[in-house]
Amino acid sequence: MHVSASYLSQLLLQPLSEGHKKRVMAAIKQGESLKGEQE
């Protein structure tokens, strides 16, 4: 994944609202799909 581990751990340490969690997951999925298309 392109998202850095430190960035993810920072997000996980913060109390996230459901909406924010969904946006983060969507961004991760989008990043994975973009990475897959480039290969």
N, C-alpha and C. Protein backbone atom coordinates (compact mmCIF):
# COMPACT_ATOMS: atom_id res chain seq x y z
N MET A 1 0.83 -1.20 0.00
CA MET A 1 0.00 0.00 0.00
C MET A 1 0.87 1.26 0.00
N HIS A 2 0.36 2.30 -0.65
CA HIS A 2 1.11 3.55 -0.73
C HIS A 2 1.02 4.34 0.57
N VAL A 3 -0.04 4.10 1.36
CA VAL A 3 -0.23 4.87 2.59
C VAL A 3 0.83 4.45 3.61
N SER A 4 1.51 5.43 4.19
CA SER A 4 2.59 5.10 5.11
C SER A 4 2.05 4.54 6.42
N ALA A 5 2.82 3.68 7.04
CA ALA A 5 2.38 3.06 8.30
C ALA A 5 2.23 4.11 9.39
N SER A 6 3.11 5.10 9.41
CA SER A 6 3.01 6.13 10.45
C SER A 6 1.73 6.92 10.29
N TYR A 7 1.34 7.19 9.04
CA TYR A 7 0.08 7.91 8.79
C TYR A 7 -1.10 7.10 9.29
N LEU A 8 -1.10 5.80 8.97
CA LEU A 8 -2.19 4.94 9.41
C LEU A 8 -2.24 4.84 10.92
N SER A 9 -1.08 4.68 11.57
CA SER A 9 -1.08 4.55 13.03
C SER A 9 -1.56 5.83 13.68
N GLN A 10 -1.21 6.98 13.09
CA GLN A 10 -1.71 8.25 13.62
C GLN A 10 -3.22 8.29 13.54
N LEU A 11 -3.78 7.84 12.42
CA LEU A 11 -5.23 7.84 12.26
C LEU A 11 -5.87 6.91 13.28
N LEU A 12 -5.26 5.74 13.48
CA LEU A 12 -5.85 4.75 14.37
C LEU A 12 -5.80 5.21 15.83
N LEU A 13 -4.81 6.03 16.16
CA LEU A 13 -4.70 6.50 17.54
C LEU A 13 -5.74 7.57 17.85
N GLN A 14 -6.26 8.21 16.83
CA GLN A 14 -7.26 9.25 17.05
C GLN A 14 -8.64 8.63 17.07
N PRO A 15 -9.51 9.12 17.95
CA PRO A 15 -10.90 8.66 17.93
C PRO A 15 -11.56 9.14 16.64
N LEU A 16 -11.98 8.20 15.82
CA LEU A 16 -12.53 8.57 14.52
C LEU A 16 -14.04 8.44 14.52
N SER A 17 -14.69 9.37 13.87
CA SER A 17 -16.12 9.23 13.65
C SER A 17 -16.34 8.17 12.57
N GLU A 18 -17.54 7.61 12.51
CA GLU A 18 -17.83 6.59 11.50
C GLU A 18 -17.61 7.15 10.10
N GLY A 19 -18.04 8.38 9.87
CA GLY A 19 -17.88 8.97 8.55
C GLY A 19 -16.42 9.08 8.16
N HIS A 20 -15.59 9.47 9.11
CA HIS A 20 -14.16 9.61 8.82
C HIS A 20 -13.56 8.24 8.53
N LYS A 21 -13.96 7.24 9.30
CA LYS A 21 -13.45 5.88 9.07
C LYS A 21 -13.79 5.41 7.67
N LYS A 22 -15.04 5.68 7.26
CA LYS A 22 -15.46 5.25 5.92
C LYS A 22 -14.64 5.95 4.85
N ARG A 23 -14.36 7.25 5.06
CA ARG A 23 -13.56 7.97 4.08
C ARG A 23 -12.15 7.41 4.00
N VAL A 24 -11.58 7.07 5.16
CA VAL A 24 -10.23 6.51 5.18
C VAL A 24 -10.21 5.17 4.44
N MET A 25 -11.19 4.31 4.73
CA MET A 25 -11.25 3.01 4.07
C MET A 25 -11.44 3.18 2.57
N ALA A 26 -12.28 4.13 2.17
CA ALA A 26 -12.51 4.38 0.75
C ALA A 26 -11.22 4.85 0.08
N ALA A 27 -10.48 5.70 0.77
CA ALA A 27 -9.23 6.21 0.21
C ALA A 27 -8.22 5.07 0.05
N ILE A 28 -8.18 4.17 1.03
CA ILE A 28 -7.27 3.03 0.96
C ILE A 28 -7.66 2.13 -0.21
N LYS A 29 -8.96 1.84 -0.34
CA LYS A 29 -9.42 1.00 -1.45
C LYS A 29 -9.11 1.65 -2.79
N GLN A 30 -9.33 2.96 -2.87
CA GLN A 30 -9.06 3.68 -4.11
C GLN A 30 -7.57 3.62 -4.43
N GLY A 31 -6.75 3.79 -3.41
CA GLY A 31 -5.31 3.72 -3.61
C GLY A 31 -4.88 2.35 -4.11
N GLU A 32 -5.48 1.30 -3.56
CA GLU A 32 -5.14 -0.05 -3.98
C GLU A 32 -5.55 -0.28 -5.43
N SER A 33 -6.75 0.19 -5.80
CA SER A 33 -7.22 -0.03 -7.16
C SER A 33 -6.36 0.76 -8.15
N LEU A 34 -5.95 1.97 -7.76
CA LEU A 34 -5.09 2.76 -8.64
C LEU A 34 -3.74 2.08 -8.81
N LYS A 35 -3.22 1.55 -7.72
CA LYS A 35 -1.93 0.85 -7.78
C LYS A 35 -2.05 -0.38 -8.67
N GLY A 36 -3.18 -1.07 -8.57
CA GLY A 36 -3.39 -2.26 -9.39
C GLY A 36 -3.45 -1.93 -10.87
N GLU A 37 -4.05 -0.79 -11.20
CA GLU A 37 -4.16 -0.41 -12.61
C GLU A 37 -2.81 -0.04 -13.20
N GLN A 38 -1.92 0.48 -12.37
CA GLN A 38 -0.62 0.92 -12.88
C GLN A 38 0.30 -0.26 -13.17
N GLU A 39 0.13 -1.36 -12.47
CA GLU A 39 1.03 -2.50 -12.63
C GLU A 39 0.82 -3.20 -13.96
